[in-house]
Amino acid sequence: MEPLTRALFAPVPRGRVAAFRTLVYLFVFLDLLIFTPWVRSHASVPGELYQPLLVGRLLPLPTPTPLLVHGVFWVLLVTALAAATGRAPRLLGWTVFALYFEWMVIAMSYGKVDHDRFGFLVALAALATVGRARHGDATLTEAGGWALRVTQISVVCTYFLAAFAKLRFGGIDWVTSSVLARAIIRRGTDLADLIAQVPYLLILAQFGIVAFELLSPLIFVVRDRWRYRGIAFFYGFHVVTYATITISFAPHLVAMTAFLPLERVRPIEWVRRRFARTPAAAGT
């Protein structure tokens, strides 16, 4: 158990947790306004069309009403911004997680379930277990390390289980099917149309996608330098996906920053330095 414990609780700088926390909670705010504003339309959908996910039936969660949907929307906007400041990390963290969880149940209980939210939901739950963390703080924290590690595991599970689902429901024939061709017909870009004209390229791409997803857990056993290159490949994969069939996976990409040394990105300090230099430059 000792190697497993070391892997799950490997300490990280508190500054990394603080940066990740700010990024995640700011994305919640943007998600409601930019990526999933359509969820608010479910407030006017008849209740009989609501078919809750399994978790919504087990808890059980209420059938969405105008008051519930709009209430979750506005309270979540406010609490997400408050949580991004790092204040009351557990209270606000659990509040944001519970509200966003309900927001996702409302979103996905009408016939369409996206799998790009799994890692992000895990990140919200894990961050709520971590105490205070300040930007730039180099003090190591095992609790923060655990939060980032379980987020990383959930990100990789998103890939690996996607391959498992492809092979479970489509069989080995999935890789030689017309899945990508149909996606390009439905929502392809001009770049995708060019790619589709190359013989057998889409079939090779499907082989590559399944291989990449099945091998994704190797990201945990390679050295840091190769791990960062692997994460860069993951991001590149999603850039190509968006450029060809306009699927963004935005929440998943935010969760994947758990692999990165975010403590080195300190925009507030950069702004302070910029303003500190300006008066000195003016004086000369």
Protein backbone atom coordinates (compact mmCIF):
# COMPACT_ATOMS: atom_id res chain seq x y z
CA MET A 1 0.00 0.00 0.00
CA GLU A 2 2.93 2.36 0.57
CA PRO A 3 3.70 2.94 -3.14
CA LEU A 4 -0.01 3.56 -3.79
CA THR A 5 -0.18 6.02 -0.89
CA ARG A 6 2.90 7.86 -2.15
CA ALA A 7 1.37 8.09 -5.62
CA LEU A 8 -2.03 9.32 -4.43
CA PHE A 9 -0.78 11.77 -1.81
CA ALA A 10 2.41 13.06 -3.43
CA PRO A 11 2.60 16.63 -2.07
CA VAL A 12 2.37 19.64 -4.38
CA PRO A 13 2.88 23.36 -3.72
CA ARG A 14 -0.14 25.11 -2.26
CA GLY A 15 0.30 27.72 -4.98
CA ARG A 16 -0.54 25.07 -7.57
CA VAL A 17 -3.75 24.20 -5.75
CA ALA A 18 -4.67 27.88 -5.48
CA ALA A 19 -4.12 28.44 -9.20
CA PHE A 20 -6.07 25.31 -10.13
CA ARG A 21 -8.90 26.30 -7.78
CA THR A 22 -9.18 29.78 -9.30
CA LEU A 23 -9.17 28.39 -12.83
CA VAL A 24 -11.81 25.75 -12.08
CA TYR A 25 -14.23 28.10 -10.33
CA LEU A 26 -13.85 30.82 -12.95
CA PHE A 27 -14.67 28.21 -15.59
CA VAL A 28 -17.90 27.35 -13.72
CA PHE A 29 -18.90 31.00 -14.09
CA LEU A 30 -18.03 31.04 -17.79
CA ASP A 31 -19.63 27.65 -18.38
CA LEU A 32 -23.03 28.86 -17.25
CA LEU A 33 -22.82 31.95 -19.44
CA ILE A 34 -21.07 30.60 -22.55
CA PHE A 35 -21.00 26.79 -22.78
CA THR A 36 -24.24 25.64 -21.12
CA PRO A 37 -26.66 28.60 -21.05
CA TRP A 38 -29.11 26.34 -22.90
CA VAL A 39 -29.74 24.46 -19.65
CA ARG A 40 -31.91 27.38 -18.50
CA SER A 41 -34.39 26.52 -21.27
CA HIS A 42 -35.23 23.34 -19.34
CA ALA A 43 -37.10 25.56 -16.88
CA SER A 44 -39.96 25.75 -19.37
CA VAL A 45 -39.91 22.08 -20.41
CA PRO A 46 -42.88 19.98 -19.17
CA GLY A 47 -41.97 17.89 -16.13
CA GLU A 48 -43.01 14.62 -17.77
CA LEU A 49 -40.11 14.94 -20.23
CA TYR A 50 -37.61 14.89 -17.35
CA GLN A 51 -35.95 11.47 -17.19
CA PRO A 52 -33.34 11.84 -14.44
CA LEU A 53 -30.00 10.12 -14.57
CA LEU A 54 -29.54 7.20 -12.19
CA VAL A 55 -28.03 9.43 -9.52
CA GLY A 56 -31.02 11.75 -9.82
CA ARG A 57 -33.32 8.81 -9.10
CA LEU A 58 -31.27 7.46 -6.22
CA LEU A 59 -30.94 10.68 -4.20
CA PRO A 60 -33.76 11.57 -5.35
CA LEU A 61 -33.49 14.99 -6.95
CA PRO A 62 -36.56 17.17 -7.67
CA THR A 63 -38.08 17.62 -11.08
CA PRO A 64 -36.77 20.90 -12.55
CA THR A 65 -39.10 23.88 -12.23
CA PRO A 66 -38.53 27.51 -13.28
CA LEU A 67 -37.71 28.42 -9.68
CA LEU A 68 -35.21 25.56 -9.30
CA VAL A 69 -33.42 26.08 -12.62
CA HIS A 70 -33.12 29.85 -12.40
CA GLY A 71 -32.29 29.65 -8.70
CA VAL A 72 -29.41 27.21 -9.28
CA PHE A 73 -28.16 29.37 -12.15
CA TRP A 74 -27.94 32.65 -10.24
CA VAL A 75 -26.73 31.22 -6.92
CA LEU A 76 -24.08 29.20 -8.72
CA LEU A 77 -22.81 32.25 -10.60
CA VAL A 78 -22.33 34.16 -7.34
CA THR A 79 -20.82 31.31 -5.33
CA ALA A 80 -18.43 30.32 -8.13
CA LEU A 81 -16.99 33.83 -8.24
CA ALA A 82 -16.71 33.89 -4.46
CA ALA A 83 -15.00 30.49 -4.42
CA ALA A 84 -12.49 31.65 -7.04
CA THR A 85 -11.10 34.10 -4.48
CA GLY A 86 -10.03 31.20 -2.25
CA ARG A 87 -12.13 32.33 0.71
CA ALA A 88 -14.01 29.76 2.80
CA PRO A 89 -12.65 27.01 0.53
CA ARG A 90 -14.58 24.12 2.05
CA LEU A 91 -17.92 25.85 2.55
CA LEU A 92 -17.95 27.51 -0.85
CA GLY A 93 -16.28 24.50 -2.47
CA TRP A 94 -18.98 22.05 -1.41
CA THR A 95 -21.68 24.57 -2.27
CA VAL A 96 -20.34 25.03 -5.80
CA PHE A 97 -19.97 21.28 -6.25
CA ALA A 98 -23.54 20.57 -5.11
CA LEU A 99 -25.04 23.31 -7.29
CA TYR A 100 -22.99 22.41 -10.37
CA PHE A 101 -23.81 18.73 -9.84
CA GLU A 102 -27.52 19.61 -9.87
CA TRP A 103 -26.93 21.83 -12.93
CA MET A 104 -25.43 18.86 -14.78
CA VAL A 105 -28.28 16.53 -13.75
CA ILE A 106 -30.75 19.09 -15.10
CA ALA A 107 -28.69 19.41 -18.28
CA MET A 108 -28.24 15.70 -18.98
CA SER A 109 -31.66 14.28 -18.00
CA TYR A 110 -33.42 15.01 -21.28
CA GLY A 111 -31.82 12.41 -23.55
CA LYS A 112 -28.22 13.58 -24.05
CA VAL A 113 -25.31 12.83 -21.72
CA ASP A 114 -21.88 14.38 -22.35
CA HIS A 115 -18.78 12.63 -21.04
CA ASP A 116 -16.53 15.68 -20.97
CA ARG A 117 -17.76 16.67 -17.48
CA PHE A 118 -16.53 13.69 -15.46
CA GLY A 119 -13.04 14.97 -14.68
CA PHE A 120 -14.35 18.45 -13.98
CA LEU A 121 -16.95 17.20 -11.49
CA VAL A 122 -14.27 15.18 -9.71
CA ALA A 123 -12.09 18.30 -9.58
CA LEU A 124 -14.91 20.28 -7.93
CA ALA A 125 -15.48 17.57 -5.33
CA ALA A 126 -11.76 17.12 -4.62
CA LEU A 127 -11.04 20.84 -4.29
CA ALA A 128 -13.73 21.11 -1.64
CA THR A 129 -11.67 18.82 0.61
CA VAL A 130 -8.57 21.03 0.52
CA GLY A 131 -8.08 23.87 2.96
CA ARG A 132 -6.71 27.32 2.29
CA ALA A 133 -4.09 27.77 -0.40
CA ARG A 134 -2.51 31.05 -1.48
CA HIS A 135 -1.14 31.89 -4.89
CA GLY A 136 2.64 31.65 -4.93
CA ASP A 137 2.83 29.60 -1.72
CA ALA A 138 5.58 27.01 -2.11
CA THR A 139 4.55 25.06 1.00
CA LEU A 140 3.82 21.43 0.12
CA THR A 141 0.42 19.89 0.82
CA GLU A 142 -0.57 16.23 0.67
CA ALA A 143 -4.28 17.10 0.68
CA GLY A 144 -3.75 19.27 -2.38
CA GLY A 145 -1.69 16.54 -3.99
CA TRP A 146 -4.53 14.07 -3.50
CA ALA A 147 -7.05 16.49 -5.02
CA LEU A 148 -4.94 16.97 -8.12
CA ARG A 149 -4.12 13.26 -8.42
CA VAL A 150 -7.73 12.06 -8.34
CA THR A 151 -8.56 14.72 -10.92
CA GLN A 152 -5.74 13.43 -13.12
CA ILE A 153 -7.02 9.87 -12.73
CA SER A 154 -10.53 10.92 -13.72
CA VAL A 155 -9.18 12.74 -16.79
CA VAL A 156 -7.37 9.60 -17.94
CA CYS A 157 -10.41 7.46 -17.14
CA THR A 158 -12.42 9.66 -19.50
CA TYR A 159 -10.13 8.56 -22.34
CA PHE A 160 -9.73 4.92 -21.34
CA LEU A 161 -13.42 4.33 -20.66
CA ALA A 162 -14.32 6.06 -23.93
CA ALA A 163 -12.29 3.40 -25.76
CA PHE A 164 -13.91 0.71 -23.62
CA ALA A 165 -17.37 2.01 -24.57
CA LYS A 166 -16.46 2.11 -28.27
CA LEU A 167 -15.34 -1.51 -28.21
CA ARG A 168 -18.16 -2.64 -25.93
CA PHE A 169 -21.00 -1.23 -28.01
CA GLY A 170 -19.41 -1.04 -31.45
CA GLY A 171 -17.05 -3.97 -31.24
CA ILE A 172 -13.75 -4.10 -33.08
CA ASP A 173 -15.66 -2.99 -36.17
CA TRP A 174 -15.84 0.50 -34.66
CA VAL A 175 -12.36 1.30 -35.94
CA THR A 176 -13.33 0.45 -39.52
CA SER A 177 -16.78 2.04 -39.39
CA SER A 178 -17.94 5.40 -40.70
CA VAL A 179 -18.16 7.14 -37.31
CA LEU A 180 -15.88 10.04 -38.22
CA ALA A 181 -17.40 10.31 -41.67
CA ARG A 182 -20.87 10.73 -40.16
CA ALA A 183 -19.53 13.28 -37.67
CA ILE A 184 -18.01 15.29 -40.52
CA ILE A 185 -21.28 15.18 -42.47
CA ARG A 186 -23.19 16.42 -39.42
CA ARG A 187 -20.85 19.11 -38.10
CA GLY A 188 -17.62 19.07 -40.08
CA THR A 189 -15.57 22.15 -40.94
CA ASP A 190 -13.79 23.03 -44.19
CA LEU A 191 -10.64 21.44 -42.78
CA ALA A 192 -12.55 18.23 -42.08
CA ASP A 193 -13.88 18.20 -45.65
CA LEU A 194 -10.30 18.33 -46.94
CA ILE A 195 -9.21 15.51 -44.65
CA ALA A 196 -12.18 13.36 -45.63
CA GLN A 197 -11.02 13.38 -49.25
CA VAL A 198 -7.80 11.51 -48.39
CA PRO A 199 -8.42 7.76 -48.92
CA TYR A 200 -8.47 5.68 -45.72
CA LEU A 201 -7.30 8.61 -43.56
CA LEU A 202 -10.47 8.59 -41.46
CA ILE A 203 -10.10 4.85 -40.84
CA LEU A 204 -6.49 5.36 -39.75
CA ALA A 205 -7.64 8.19 -37.49
CA GLN A 206 -10.15 5.87 -35.81
CA PHE A 207 -7.44 3.27 -35.18
CA GLY A 208 -5.29 6.06 -33.76
CA ILE A 209 -8.05 7.38 -31.49
CA VAL A 210 -8.73 3.99 -29.93
CA ALA A 211 -5.01 3.27 -29.51
CA PHE A 212 -4.44 6.67 -27.90
CA GLU A 213 -7.35 6.23 -25.49
CA LEU A 214 -6.31 2.71 -24.48
CA LEU A 215 -2.70 3.77 -23.90
CA SER A 216 -3.57 6.99 -22.04
CA PRO A 217 -2.88 5.48 -18.54
CA LEU A 218 0.80 5.31 -19.48
CA ILE A 219 0.91 9.03 -18.72
CA PHE A 220 1.34 8.07 -15.06
CA VAL A 221 4.44 5.91 -15.52
CA VAL A 222 6.59 8.12 -17.75
CA ARG A 223 9.04 10.75 -16.53
CA ASP A 224 7.95 14.35 -16.04
CA ARG A 225 9.45 15.56 -19.30
CA TRP A 226 7.57 12.94 -21.30
CA ARG A 227 4.46 13.44 -19.21
CA TYR A 228 4.30 17.09 -20.20
CA ARG A 229 4.80 16.12 -23.82
CA GLY A 230 1.98 13.61 -23.45
CA ILE A 231 -0.32 16.26 -22.00
CA ALA A 232 0.62 18.56 -24.88
CA PHE A 233 -0.42 15.74 -27.23
CA PHE A 234 -3.75 15.41 -25.37
CA TYR A 235 -4.40 19.12 -25.84
CA GLY A 236 -3.34 18.89 -29.48
CA PHE A 237 -5.80 16.06 -30.00
CA HIS A 238 -8.63 18.27 -28.77
CA VAL A 239 -7.46 21.20 -30.90
CA VAL A 240 -7.70 18.99 -33.97
CA THR A 241 -11.08 17.66 -32.81
CA TYR A 242 -12.47 21.16 -32.48
CA ALA A 243 -10.92 22.29 -35.77
CA THR A 244 -12.55 19.41 -37.64
CA ILE A 245 -15.87 18.57 -35.93
CA THR A 246 -16.25 21.54 -33.50
CA ILE A 247 -16.37 19.52 -30.29
CA SER A 248 -14.53 21.52 -27.62
CA PHE A 249 -14.37 19.33 -24.44
CA ALA A 250 -13.79 22.60 -22.56
CA PRO A 251 -14.46 21.34 -18.99
CA HIS A 252 -12.26 18.32 -19.61
CA LEU A 253 -9.44 20.57 -20.80
CA VAL A 254 -9.73 22.65 -17.64
CA ALA A 255 -9.57 19.53 -15.46
CA MET A 256 -6.50 18.36 -17.38
CA THR A 257 -4.53 21.39 -16.14
CA ALA A 258 -4.20 19.36 -12.92
CA PHE A 259 -1.15 17.82 -14.63
CA LEU A 260 0.57 21.20 -15.10
CA PRO A 261 2.78 23.28 -12.76
CA LEU A 262 0.19 26.02 -12.52
CA GLU A 263 1.99 27.72 -9.63
CA ARG A 264 4.35 29.20 -12.23
CA VAL A 265 1.46 31.07 -13.85
CA ARG A 266 0.84 34.12 -11.66
CA PRO A 267 -1.06 36.77 -13.65
CA ILE A 268 -1.76 38.94 -10.60
CA GLU A 269 1.94 39.22 -9.83
CA TRP A 270 2.67 40.00 -13.49
CA VAL A 271 0.13 42.83 -13.39
CA ARG A 272 1.63 44.19 -10.16
CA ARG A 273 5.10 44.15 -11.66
CA ARG A 274 3.82 45.88 -14.75
CA PHE A 275 2.24 48.69 -12.73
CA ALA A 276 5.32 48.90 -10.51
CA ARG A 277 7.53 49.49 -13.54
CA THR A 278 5.26 52.10 -15.09
CA PRO A 279 5.84 54.88 -12.51
CA ALA A 280 9.57 54.18 -12.52
CA ALA A 281 9.69 54.39 -16.30
CA ALA A 282 7.68 57.62 -16.23
CA GLY A 283 10.08 59.14 -13.72
CA THR A 284 13.08 58.51 -15.95
